[in-house]
Amino acid sequence: MSNLEKATFAAGCFWGVEHIFKKHFNDIKTRVGYIGGLSPNPKYKEVCNGTTGHAEACQIEFDPTTTTYETLVEFFYKIHDPTTANRQGPDVGTQYRSAIFYHSPEQRILAEKVTNQIQEKLSKEKKLYSGSKVVTEIIEAGKWYDAEDYHQKYLEKNPFGYEQVQQQVQQLVQQPVQLHVEIQNLSE
């Protein structure tokens, strides 16, 4: 791989977020961890209690010559509900918030662009989440803390483990062409 870049996303339980990105982008490296809080060296139980302010997140290393940051942001919006604050399915708390942590001014611009496209599309559609406001935070990436080892690649090691986005994974694996077409239609 050439010069790798980082992308960091929070969209609920980090196990499922990591798993779905790995399913669809073979050329990326992922790790899960904590970002966006104030406490140094947070641990899983502290983050789950909501006392650290961190989000569970997935950090992706990618080659921008094969996968663009914009493509990753578009995919991020396909795998979760960006209209519900601090919740994804049964997972509730600030650690499960929807957030994009950008690593450069260019990433911020692209994240805002895609977010605005998603908001515009939601304002026009008559489907799930239509008329809702996107609550995804777009924040400069701060200090990253790797989650404990047992969380890394959790659903690869535990294929029947809990995964909030499991249904989306099943649908996207079966319909990757449809996903590509839907993402292309965002710019229309």
N, C-alpha and C. Protein backbone atom coordinates (compact mmCIF):
# COMPACT_ATOMS: atom_id res chain seq x y z
N MET A 1 0.84 -1.19 0.00
CA MET A 1 0.00 0.00 0.00
C MET A 1 0.88 1.25 0.00
N SER A 2 0.40 2.28 -0.63
CA SER A 2 1.15 3.53 -0.64
C SER A 2 0.91 4.28 0.66
N ASN A 3 0.92 5.60 0.62
CA ASN A 3 0.70 6.38 1.83
C ASN A 3 -0.71 6.19 2.34
N LEU A 4 -0.82 5.58 3.49
CA LEU A 4 -2.14 5.31 4.06
C LEU A 4 -2.67 6.54 4.78
N GLU A 5 -3.99 6.68 4.75
CA GLU A 5 -4.68 7.73 5.50
C GLU A 5 -5.57 7.06 6.53
N LYS A 6 -6.03 7.86 7.50
CA LYS A 6 -6.93 7.36 8.54
C LYS A 6 -8.30 7.97 8.38
N ALA A 7 -9.30 7.18 8.72
CA ALA A 7 -10.69 7.64 8.81
C ALA A 7 -11.23 7.07 10.12
N THR A 8 -11.98 7.86 10.86
CA THR A 8 -12.49 7.40 12.15
C THR A 8 -13.98 7.69 12.25
N PHE A 9 -14.74 6.63 12.54
CA PHE A 9 -16.20 6.73 12.58
C PHE A 9 -16.76 6.11 13.86
N ALA A 10 -17.79 6.76 14.41
CA ALA A 10 -18.56 6.21 15.53
C ALA A 10 -19.99 6.06 15.05
N ALA A 11 -20.55 4.85 15.21
CA ALA A 11 -21.90 4.58 14.72
C ALA A 11 -22.54 3.46 15.52
N GLY A 12 -22.43 3.53 16.83
CA GLY A 12 -22.96 2.46 17.67
C GLY A 12 -21.85 1.56 18.15
N CYS A 13 -22.19 0.34 18.48
CA CYS A 13 -21.22 -0.63 18.98
C CYS A 13 -20.10 -0.82 17.97
N PHE A 14 -18.87 -0.64 18.41
CA PHE A 14 -17.76 -0.69 17.47
C PHE A 14 -17.51 -2.06 16.85
N TRP A 15 -17.99 -3.12 17.46
CA TRP A 15 -17.82 -4.46 16.87
C TRP A 15 -18.47 -4.53 15.49
N GLY A 16 -19.72 -4.10 15.42
CA GLY A 16 -20.45 -4.16 14.16
C GLY A 16 -19.93 -3.19 13.13
N VAL A 17 -19.53 -2.00 13.57
CA VAL A 17 -19.01 -1.00 12.64
C VAL A 17 -17.74 -1.53 11.98
N GLU A 18 -16.84 -2.07 12.79
CA GLU A 18 -15.62 -2.64 12.23
C GLU A 18 -15.93 -3.78 11.27
N HIS A 19 -16.82 -4.65 11.69
CA HIS A 19 -17.16 -5.84 10.90
C HIS A 19 -17.72 -5.49 9.53
N ILE A 20 -18.64 -4.55 9.49
CA ILE A 20 -19.27 -4.21 8.21
C ILE A 20 -18.30 -3.50 7.28
N PHE A 21 -17.44 -2.64 7.81
CA PHE A 21 -16.43 -2.01 6.96
C PHE A 21 -15.49 -3.06 6.38
N LYS A 22 -15.04 -4.00 7.20
CA LYS A 22 -14.13 -5.05 6.73
C LYS A 22 -14.80 -5.93 5.67
N LYS A 23 -16.10 -6.17 5.80
CA LYS A 23 -16.83 -6.99 4.83
C LYS A 23 -16.85 -6.35 3.45
N HIS A 24 -16.84 -5.03 3.40
CA HIS A 24 -17.04 -4.34 2.14
C HIS A 24 -15.81 -3.68 1.55
N PHE A 25 -14.79 -3.55 2.34
CA PHE A 25 -13.55 -2.94 1.85
C PHE A 25 -12.40 -3.86 2.22
N ASN A 26 -11.99 -4.69 1.28
CA ASN A 26 -10.95 -5.69 1.54
C ASN A 26 -9.57 -5.08 1.75
N ASP A 27 -9.37 -3.88 1.25
CA ASP A 27 -8.04 -3.29 1.27
C ASP A 27 -7.81 -2.33 2.44
N ILE A 28 -8.62 -2.42 3.48
CA ILE A 28 -8.45 -1.53 4.63
C ILE A 28 -7.94 -2.30 5.84
N LYS A 29 -7.37 -1.56 6.78
CA LYS A 29 -7.00 -2.10 8.08
C LYS A 29 -7.87 -1.39 9.11
N THR A 30 -8.34 -2.12 10.10
CA THR A 30 -9.22 -1.51 11.10
C THR A 30 -8.73 -1.81 12.51
N ARG A 31 -9.16 -0.96 13.41
CA ARG A 31 -9.00 -1.21 14.85
C ARG A 31 -10.14 -0.46 15.53
N VAL A 32 -10.51 -0.94 16.69
CA VAL A 32 -11.58 -0.28 17.43
C VAL A 32 -11.00 0.35 18.69
N GLY A 33 -11.67 1.41 19.13
CA GLY A 33 -11.17 2.11 20.31
C GLY A 33 -12.10 3.22 20.73
N TYR A 34 -11.51 4.15 21.47
CA TYR A 34 -12.26 5.22 22.11
C TYR A 34 -11.68 6.57 21.70
N ILE A 35 -12.57 7.52 21.43
CA ILE A 35 -12.16 8.84 20.98
C ILE A 35 -13.24 9.85 21.38
N GLY A 36 -12.84 11.09 21.52
CA GLY A 36 -13.80 12.16 21.75
C GLY A 36 -14.13 12.44 23.20
N GLY A 37 -13.39 11.87 24.12
CA GLY A 37 -13.65 12.10 25.53
C GLY A 37 -12.52 12.86 26.20
N LEU A 38 -12.66 13.04 27.50
CA LEU A 38 -11.68 13.82 28.25
C LEU A 38 -10.80 12.98 29.15
N SER A 39 -11.26 11.84 29.59
CA SER A 39 -10.50 11.01 30.52
C SER A 39 -9.34 10.33 29.80
N PRO A 40 -8.15 10.35 30.41
CA PRO A 40 -7.02 9.65 29.79
C PRO A 40 -7.13 8.14 30.00
N ASN A 41 -6.69 7.38 29.01
CA ASN A 41 -6.64 5.91 29.09
C ASN A 41 -7.96 5.27 29.51
N PRO A 42 -9.04 5.57 28.80
CA PRO A 42 -10.34 4.99 29.19
C PRO A 42 -10.37 3.48 29.00
N LYS A 43 -11.12 2.83 29.82
CA LYS A 43 -11.35 1.38 29.73
C LYS A 43 -12.81 1.16 29.34
N TYR A 44 -13.09 -0.02 28.80
CA TYR A 44 -14.41 -0.34 28.27
C TYR A 44 -15.53 -0.08 29.28
N LYS A 45 -15.38 -0.57 30.49
CA LYS A 45 -16.46 -0.40 31.48
C LYS A 45 -16.71 1.07 31.79
N GLU A 46 -15.66 1.88 31.84
CA GLU A 46 -15.83 3.31 32.09
C GLU A 46 -16.56 3.98 30.92
N VAL A 47 -16.16 3.61 29.71
CA VAL A 47 -16.81 4.18 28.52
C VAL A 47 -18.28 3.79 28.49
N CYS A 48 -18.57 2.53 28.79
CA CYS A 48 -19.96 2.05 28.80
C CYS A 48 -20.80 2.73 29.87
N ASN A 49 -20.19 3.13 30.95
CA ASN A 49 -20.91 3.85 32.01
C ASN A 49 -21.18 5.30 31.63
N GLY A 50 -20.57 5.76 30.55
CA GLY A 50 -20.79 7.13 30.10
C GLY A 50 -20.03 8.17 30.88
N THR A 51 -19.05 7.76 31.67
CA THR A 51 -18.35 8.71 32.53
C THR A 51 -17.13 9.36 31.88
N THR A 52 -16.69 8.85 30.73
CA THR A 52 -15.46 9.39 30.13
C THR A 52 -15.72 10.37 28.99
N GLY A 53 -16.92 10.32 28.41
CA GLY A 53 -17.24 11.16 27.27
C GLY A 53 -16.77 10.62 25.94
N HIS A 54 -16.14 9.45 25.94
CA HIS A 54 -15.64 8.86 24.70
C HIS A 54 -16.76 8.16 23.92
N ALA A 55 -16.53 8.06 22.62
CA ALA A 55 -17.39 7.26 21.75
C ALA A 55 -16.66 5.97 21.42
N GLU A 56 -17.42 4.88 21.29
CA GLU A 56 -16.86 3.66 20.71
C GLU A 56 -16.72 3.96 19.22
N ALA A 57 -15.54 3.70 18.67
CA ALA A 57 -15.29 4.07 17.28
C ALA A 57 -14.44 3.03 16.57
N CYS A 58 -14.47 3.12 15.26
CA CYS A 58 -13.64 2.28 14.40
C CYS A 58 -12.70 3.21 13.64
N GLN A 59 -11.41 2.92 13.73
CA GLN A 59 -10.43 3.68 12.97
C GLN A 59 -9.95 2.82 11.80
N ILE A 60 -9.96 3.42 10.64
CA ILE A 60 -9.65 2.71 9.40
C ILE A 60 -8.40 3.31 8.78
N GLU A 61 -7.48 2.45 8.38
CA GLU A 61 -6.35 2.87 7.56
C GLU A 61 -6.67 2.43 6.14
N PHE A 62 -6.57 3.37 5.20
CA PHE A 62 -6.94 3.07 3.82
C PHE A 62 -5.97 3.72 2.85
N ASP A 63 -5.90 3.14 1.67
CA ASP A 63 -5.09 3.66 0.59
C ASP A 63 -6.00 4.54 -0.27
N PRO A 64 -5.79 5.86 -0.27
CA PRO A 64 -6.69 6.74 -1.00
C PRO A 64 -6.65 6.57 -2.51
N THR A 65 -5.68 5.82 -3.02
CA THR A 65 -5.65 5.56 -4.47
C THR A 65 -6.60 4.43 -4.86
N THR A 66 -7.05 3.64 -3.87
CA THR A 66 -7.99 2.55 -4.16
C THR A 66 -9.35 2.75 -3.51
N THR A 67 -9.39 3.44 -2.39
CA THR A 67 -10.65 3.73 -1.69
C THR A 67 -10.60 5.18 -1.25
N THR A 68 -11.59 5.96 -1.65
CA THR A 68 -11.56 7.37 -1.28
C THR A 68 -12.20 7.58 0.09
N TYR A 69 -11.80 8.66 0.73
CA TYR A 69 -12.40 9.03 2.01
C TYR A 69 -13.90 9.29 1.82
N GLU A 70 -14.26 9.94 0.75
CA GLU A 70 -15.67 10.24 0.49
C GLU A 70 -16.49 8.95 0.40
N THR A 71 -15.94 7.92 -0.24
CA THR A 71 -16.63 6.63 -0.33
C THR A 71 -16.85 6.04 1.06
N LEU A 72 -15.85 6.14 1.92
CA LEU A 72 -15.99 5.63 3.29
C LEU A 72 -17.06 6.39 4.06
N VAL A 73 -17.10 7.71 3.90
CA VAL A 73 -18.13 8.51 4.59
C VAL A 73 -19.52 8.14 4.08
N GLU A 74 -19.66 7.99 2.78
CA GLU A 74 -20.96 7.59 2.23
C GLU A 74 -21.39 6.24 2.79
N PHE A 75 -20.46 5.31 2.87
CA PHE A 75 -20.77 3.99 3.40
C PHE A 75 -21.15 4.07 4.88
N PHE A 76 -20.45 4.89 5.63
CA PHE A 76 -20.75 5.12 7.05
C PHE A 76 -22.23 5.48 7.23
N TYR A 77 -22.74 6.34 6.36
CA TYR A 77 -24.14 6.74 6.49
C TYR A 77 -25.12 5.63 6.13
N LYS A 78 -24.67 4.64 5.38
CA LYS A 78 -25.53 3.52 5.01
C LYS A 78 -25.68 2.49 6.12
N ILE A 79 -24.77 2.48 7.10
CA ILE A 79 -24.74 1.38 8.06
C ILE A 79 -25.35 1.70 9.41
N HIS A 80 -25.90 2.90 9.56
CA HIS A 80 -26.49 3.23 10.86
C HIS A 80 -27.55 4.31 10.69
N ASP A 81 -28.24 4.60 11.78
CA ASP A 81 -29.25 5.65 11.80
C ASP A 81 -28.58 6.95 12.24
N PRO A 82 -28.32 7.87 11.32
CA PRO A 82 -27.65 9.11 11.68
C PRO A 82 -28.59 10.17 12.24
N THR A 83 -29.86 9.80 12.47
CA THR A 83 -30.85 10.78 12.91
C THR A 83 -31.24 10.64 14.38
N THR A 84 -30.68 9.66 15.05
CA THR A 84 -31.01 9.45 16.46
C THR A 84 -29.78 9.73 17.31
N ALA A 85 -29.91 10.66 18.23
CA ALA A 85 -28.78 11.03 19.08
C ALA A 85 -28.51 9.96 20.13
N ASN A 86 -27.25 9.63 20.28
CA ASN A 86 -26.79 8.77 21.38
C ASN A 86 -27.49 7.42 21.46
N ARG A 87 -27.78 6.86 20.29
CA ARG A 87 -28.45 5.56 20.28
C ARG A 87 -28.33 4.91 18.91
N GLN A 88 -28.11 3.61 18.93
CA GLN A 88 -28.21 2.78 17.73
C GLN A 88 -28.91 1.50 18.17
N GLY A 89 -30.14 1.32 17.72
CA GLY A 89 -30.91 0.15 18.15
C GLY A 89 -31.04 0.13 19.66
N PRO A 90 -30.76 -1.01 20.29
CA PRO A 90 -30.89 -1.10 21.75
C PRO A 90 -29.71 -0.51 22.50
N ASP A 91 -28.66 -0.09 21.79
CA ASP A 91 -27.48 0.48 22.44
C ASP A 91 -27.71 1.97 22.68
N VAL A 92 -27.76 2.36 23.95
CA VAL A 92 -28.09 3.73 24.32
C VAL A 92 -26.98 4.33 25.16
N GLY A 93 -26.63 5.57 24.86
CA GLY A 93 -25.62 6.30 25.63
C GLY A 93 -24.75 7.12 24.69
N THR A 94 -24.07 8.10 25.24
CA THR A 94 -23.23 8.97 24.41
C THR A 94 -22.10 8.20 23.74
N GLN A 95 -21.72 7.06 24.30
CA GLN A 95 -20.65 6.26 23.68
C GLN A 95 -21.09 5.65 22.35
N TYR A 96 -22.41 5.66 22.08
CA TYR A 96 -22.94 5.10 20.84
C TYR A 96 -23.37 6.19 19.85
N ARG A 97 -22.93 7.41 20.06
CA ARG A 97 -23.33 8.51 19.19
C ARG A 97 -22.80 8.33 17.77
N SER A 98 -23.41 9.05 16.86
CA SER A 98 -22.98 9.08 15.47
C SER A 98 -21.99 10.22 15.31
N ALA A 99 -20.77 9.89 14.87
CA ALA A 99 -19.75 10.93 14.73
C ALA A 99 -18.73 10.55 13.67
N ILE A 100 -18.25 11.58 13.00
CA ILE A 100 -17.13 11.47 12.08
C ILE A 100 -16.00 12.28 12.69
N PHE A 101 -14.88 11.64 12.94
CA PHE A 101 -13.71 12.32 13.49
C PHE A 101 -12.72 12.52 12.35
N TYR A 102 -12.60 13.75 11.88
CA TYR A 102 -11.75 14.01 10.71
C TYR A 102 -10.29 14.21 11.12
N HIS A 103 -9.39 13.86 10.19
CA HIS A 103 -7.95 13.91 10.43
C HIS A 103 -7.25 15.00 9.62
N SER A 104 -8.00 15.75 8.82
CA SER A 104 -7.41 16.84 8.02
C SER A 104 -8.52 17.80 7.62
N PRO A 105 -8.15 19.02 7.24
CA PRO A 105 -9.18 19.96 6.75
C PRO A 105 -9.92 19.42 5.53
N GLU A 106 -9.23 18.67 4.67
CA GLU A 106 -9.87 18.09 3.49
C GLU A 106 -10.93 17.07 3.90
N GLN A 107 -10.61 16.26 4.90
CA GLN A 107 -11.60 15.28 5.38
C GLN A 107 -12.82 16.00 5.96
N ARG A 108 -12.60 17.08 6.66
CA ARG A 108 -13.73 17.83 7.23
C ARG A 108 -14.65 18.32 6.12
N ILE A 109 -14.06 18.88 5.08
CA ILE A 109 -14.86 19.39 3.96
C ILE A 109 -15.68 18.26 3.32
N LEU A 110 -15.04 17.12 3.09
CA LEU A 110 -15.76 15.98 2.48
C LEU A 110 -16.84 15.44 3.41
N ALA A 111 -16.55 15.36 4.70
CA ALA A 111 -17.55 14.87 5.66
C ALA A 111 -18.76 15.80 5.69
N GLU A 112 -18.52 17.10 5.68
CA GLU A 112 -19.62 18.07 5.67
C GLU A 112 -20.41 17.98 4.37
N LYS A 113 -19.71 17.81 3.26
CA LYS A 113 -20.37 17.71 1.95
C LYS A 113 -21.31 16.51 1.92
N VAL A 114 -20.81 15.34 2.30
CA VAL A 114 -21.64 14.13 2.28
C VAL A 114 -22.79 14.25 3.28
N THR A 115 -22.52 14.79 4.45
CA THR A 115 -23.56 14.97 5.46
C THR A 115 -24.67 15.87 4.93
N ASN A 116 -24.31 16.94 4.26
CA ASN A 116 -25.31 17.84 3.67
C ASN A 116 -26.12 17.13 2.59
N GLN A 117 -25.46 16.28 1.80
CA GLN A 117 -26.18 15.50 0.77
C GLN A 117 -27.17 14.54 1.42
N ILE A 118 -26.74 13.90 2.49
CA ILE A 118 -27.63 12.97 3.20
C ILE A 118 -28.82 13.74 3.77
N GLN A 119 -28.56 14.89 4.39
CA GLN A 119 -29.65 15.69 4.96
C GLN A 119 -30.63 16.13 3.88
N GLU A 120 -30.10 16.56 2.76
CA GLU A 120 -30.96 16.98 1.65
C GLU A 120 -31.82 15.82 1.16
N LYS A 121 -31.20 14.66 1.03
CA LYS A 121 -31.94 13.48 0.58
C LYS A 121 -33.03 13.10 1.59
N LEU A 122 -32.71 13.14 2.88
CA LEU A 122 -33.70 12.81 3.91
C LEU A 122 -34.86 13.80 3.90
N SER A 123 -34.58 15.04 3.58
CA SER A 123 -35.63 16.06 3.54
C SER A 123 -36.62 15.83 2.41
N LYS A 124 -36.17 15.14 1.35
CA LYS A 124 -37.01 14.93 0.17
C LYS A 124 -37.70 13.57 0.15
N GLU A 125 -37.10 12.57 0.76
CA GLU A 125 -37.60 11.19 0.68
C GLU A 125 -38.86 10.95 1.47
N LYS A 126 -39.52 9.90 1.10
CA LYS A 126 -40.67 9.41 1.85
C LYS A 126 -40.37 8.01 2.35
N LYS A 127 -39.15 7.81 2.88
CA LYS A 127 -38.72 6.50 3.37
C LYS A 127 -38.33 6.61 4.84
N LEU A 128 -37.73 5.54 5.32
CA LEU A 128 -37.23 5.50 6.69
C LEU A 128 -36.33 6.71 6.94
N TYR A 129 -36.50 7.35 8.06
CA TYR A 129 -35.75 8.54 8.50
C TYR A 129 -36.11 9.80 7.72
N SER A 130 -37.06 9.74 6.77
CA SER A 130 -37.36 10.93 5.99
C SER A 130 -37.89 12.03 6.90
N GLY A 131 -37.49 13.24 6.57
CA GLY A 131 -37.89 14.40 7.34
C GLY A 131 -37.11 14.58 8.63
N SER A 132 -36.24 13.65 8.94
CA SER A 132 -35.45 13.73 10.17
C SER A 132 -34.20 14.56 9.94
N LYS A 133 -33.64 15.03 11.04
CA LYS A 133 -32.40 15.81 10.98
C LYS A 133 -31.22 14.90 11.29
N VAL A 134 -30.18 15.01 10.48
CA VAL A 134 -28.94 14.27 10.75
C VAL A 134 -28.29 14.87 11.99
N VAL A 135 -27.99 14.03 12.97
CA VAL A 135 -27.37 14.49 14.22
C VAL A 135 -25.90 14.08 14.33
N THR A 136 -25.36 13.54 13.27
CA THR A 136 -23.96 13.11 13.26
C THR A 136 -23.06 14.30 13.57
N GLU A 137 -22.16 14.11 14.53
CA GLU A 137 -21.18 15.13 14.87
C GLU A 137 -20.00 15.01 13.92
N ILE A 138 -19.47 16.14 13.49
CA ILE A 138 -18.24 16.16 12.69
C ILE A 138 -17.21 16.90 13.52
N ILE A 139 -16.23 16.14 14.01
CA ILE A 139 -15.32 16.64 15.04
C ILE A 139 -13.88 16.34 14.63
N GLU A 140 -12.99 17.24 14.94
CA GLU A 140 -11.57 16.97 14.70
C GLU A 140 -11.14 15.79 15.57
N ALA A 141 -10.42 14.86 14.95
CA ALA A 141 -9.96 13.69 15.68
C ALA A 141 -8.96 14.12 16.75
N GLY A 142 -9.23 13.69 17.95
CA GLY A 142 -8.32 13.96 19.05
C GLY A 142 -7.55 12.70 19.40
N LYS A 143 -7.25 12.56 20.66
CA LYS A 143 -6.48 11.40 21.13
C LYS A 143 -7.27 10.12 20.95
N TRP A 144 -6.63 9.14 20.34
CA TRP A 144 -7.22 7.82 20.10
C TRP A 144 -6.68 6.85 21.13
N TYR A 145 -7.55 6.02 21.67
CA TYR A 145 -7.15 4.96 22.59
C TYR A 145 -7.66 3.63 22.04
N ASP A 146 -6.74 2.71 21.75
CA ASP A 146 -7.16 1.38 21.31
C ASP A 146 -8.00 0.72 22.39
N ALA A 147 -9.07 0.06 21.97
CA ALA A 147 -9.85 -0.75 22.91
C ALA A 147 -9.02 -1.97 23.30
N GLU A 148 -9.46 -2.62 24.34
CA GLU A 148 -8.78 -3.81 24.83
C GLU A 148 -8.68 -4.85 23.71
N ASP A 149 -7.67 -5.71 23.78
CA ASP A 149 -7.39 -6.69 22.72
C ASP A 149 -8.60 -7.54 22.36
N TYR A 150 -9.39 -7.95 23.36
CA TYR A 150 -10.51 -8.85 23.05
C TYR A 150 -11.58 -8.18 22.19
N HIS A 151 -11.58 -6.85 22.10
CA HIS A 151 -12.53 -6.14 21.24
C HIS A 151 -12.07 -6.09 19.79
N GLN A 152 -10.78 -6.22 19.54
CA GLN A 152 -10.25 -6.11 18.18
C GLN A 152 -10.71 -7.31 17.35
N LYS A 153 -11.31 -7.01 16.19
CA LYS A 153 -11.80 -8.07 15.28
C LYS A 153 -12.75 -9.01 16.01
N TYR A 154 -13.52 -8.47 16.93
CA TYR A 154 -14.37 -9.28 17.82
C TYR A 154 -15.28 -10.23 17.05
N LEU A 155 -15.96 -9.73 16.04
CA LEU A 155 -16.92 -10.57 15.32
C LEU A 155 -16.26 -11.55 14.36
N GLU A 156 -15.00 -11.35 14.03
CA GLU A 156 -14.26 -12.39 13.30
C GLU A 156 -13.96 -13.54 14.25
N LYS A 157 -13.62 -13.22 15.48
CA LYS A 157 -13.28 -14.24 16.48
C LYS A 157 -14.53 -14.87 17.09
N ASN A 158 -15.63 -14.14 17.08
CA ASN A 158 -16.90 -14.59 17.68
C ASN A 158 -18.02 -14.36 16.67
N PRO A 159 -18.11 -15.21 15.64
CA PRO A 159 -19.05 -14.95 14.55
C PRO A 159 -20.52 -14.89 14.96
N PHE A 160 -20.86 -15.42 16.10
CA PHE A 160 -22.25 -15.35 16.55
C PHE A 160 -22.42 -14.34 17.67
N GLY A 161 -21.45 -13.46 17.82
CA GLY A 161 -21.51 -12.42 18.84
C GLY A 161 -22.52 -11.35 18.49
N TYR A 162 -22.78 -10.48 19.42
CA TYR A 162 -23.75 -9.40 19.26
C TYR A 162 -23.29 -8.43 18.18
N GLU A 163 -24.21 -8.10 17.28
CA GLU A 163 -23.91 -7.13 16.24
C GLU A 163 -25.17 -6.36 15.89
N GLN A 164 -25.23 -5.10 16.28
CA GLN A 164 -26.40 -4.28 16.01
C GLN A 164 -26.64 -4.13 14.52
N VAL A 165 -25.58 -4.02 13.74
CA VAL A 165 -25.77 -3.79 12.31
C VAL A 165 -25.80 -5.08 11.50
N GLN A 166 -26.06 -6.21 12.16
CA GLN A 166 -26.03 -7.51 11.48
C GLN A 166 -26.97 -7.57 10.28
N GLN A 167 -28.18 -7.04 10.42
CA GLN A 167 -29.12 -7.09 9.29
C GLN A 167 -28.62 -6.26 8.12
N GLN A 168 -28.03 -5.09 8.41
CA GLN A 168 -27.49 -4.28 7.33
C GLN A 168 -26.35 -5.02 6.64
N VAL A 169 -25.51 -5.71 7.41
CA VAL A 169 -24.41 -6.48 6.83
C VAL A 169 -24.97 -7.51 5.87
N GLN A 170 -25.97 -8.26 6.30
CA GLN A 170 -26.57 -9.30 5.47
C GLN A 170 -27.10 -8.70 4.17
N GLN A 171 -27.82 -7.59 4.27
CA GLN A 171 -28.40 -6.97 3.09
C GLN A 171 -27.32 -6.44 2.16
N LEU A 172 -26.30 -5.80 2.72
CA LEU A 172 -25.27 -5.20 1.89
C LEU A 172 -24.39 -6.25 1.22
N VAL A 173 -24.12 -7.34 1.91
CA VAL A 173 -23.33 -8.42 1.30
C VAL A 173 -24.09 -9.00 0.11
N GLN A 174 -25.40 -9.10 0.24
CA GLN A 174 -26.20 -9.68 -0.83
C GLN A 174 -26.47 -8.69 -1.96
N GLN A 175 -26.37 -7.38 -1.68
CA GLN A 175 -26.73 -6.39 -2.69
C GLN A 175 -25.67 -5.29 -2.83
N PRO A 176 -24.39 -5.62 -3.03
CA PRO A 176 -23.38 -4.57 -3.12
C PRO A 176 -23.57 -3.66 -4.33
N VAL A 177 -24.11 -4.17 -5.42
CA VAL A 177 -24.32 -3.34 -6.60
C VAL A 177 -25.38 -2.29 -6.32
N GLN A 178 -26.46 -2.70 -5.66
CA GLN A 178 -27.52 -1.75 -5.31
C GLN A 178 -26.97 -0.66 -4.40
N LEU A 179 -26.13 -1.00 -3.45
CA LEU A 179 -25.53 -0.01 -2.56
C LEU A 179 -24.74 1.00 -3.38
N HIS A 180 -23.94 0.52 -4.33
CA HIS A 180 -23.13 1.41 -5.16
C HIS A 180 -24.02 2.38 -5.93
N VAL A 181 -25.10 1.88 -6.49
CA VAL A 181 -26.03 2.73 -7.23
C VAL A 181 -26.66 3.76 -6.30
N GLU A 182 -27.07 3.34 -5.11
CA GLU A 182 -27.69 4.27 -4.16
C GLU A 182 -26.71 5.35 -3.75
N ILE A 183 -25.46 5.00 -3.53
CA ILE A 183 -24.45 5.99 -3.15
C ILE A 183 -24.22 6.96 -4.29
N GLN A 184 -24.16 6.47 -5.53
CA GLN A 184 -23.98 7.35 -6.67
C GLN A 184 -25.13 8.34 -6.78
N ASN A 185 -26.33 7.92 -6.42
CA ASN A 185 -27.50 8.78 -6.53
C ASN A 185 -27.51 9.89 -5.49
N LEU A 186 -26.63 9.85 -4.51
CA LEU A 186 -26.58 10.91 -3.51
C LEU A 186 -26.29 12.27 -4.14
N SER A 187 -25.49 12.27 -5.19
CA SER A 187 -25.09 13.54 -5.79
C SER A 187 -26.14 14.10 -6.75
N GLU A 188 -27.19 13.35 -6.98
CA GLU A 188 -28.23 13.83 -7.90
C GLU A 188 -29.14 14.84 -7.23
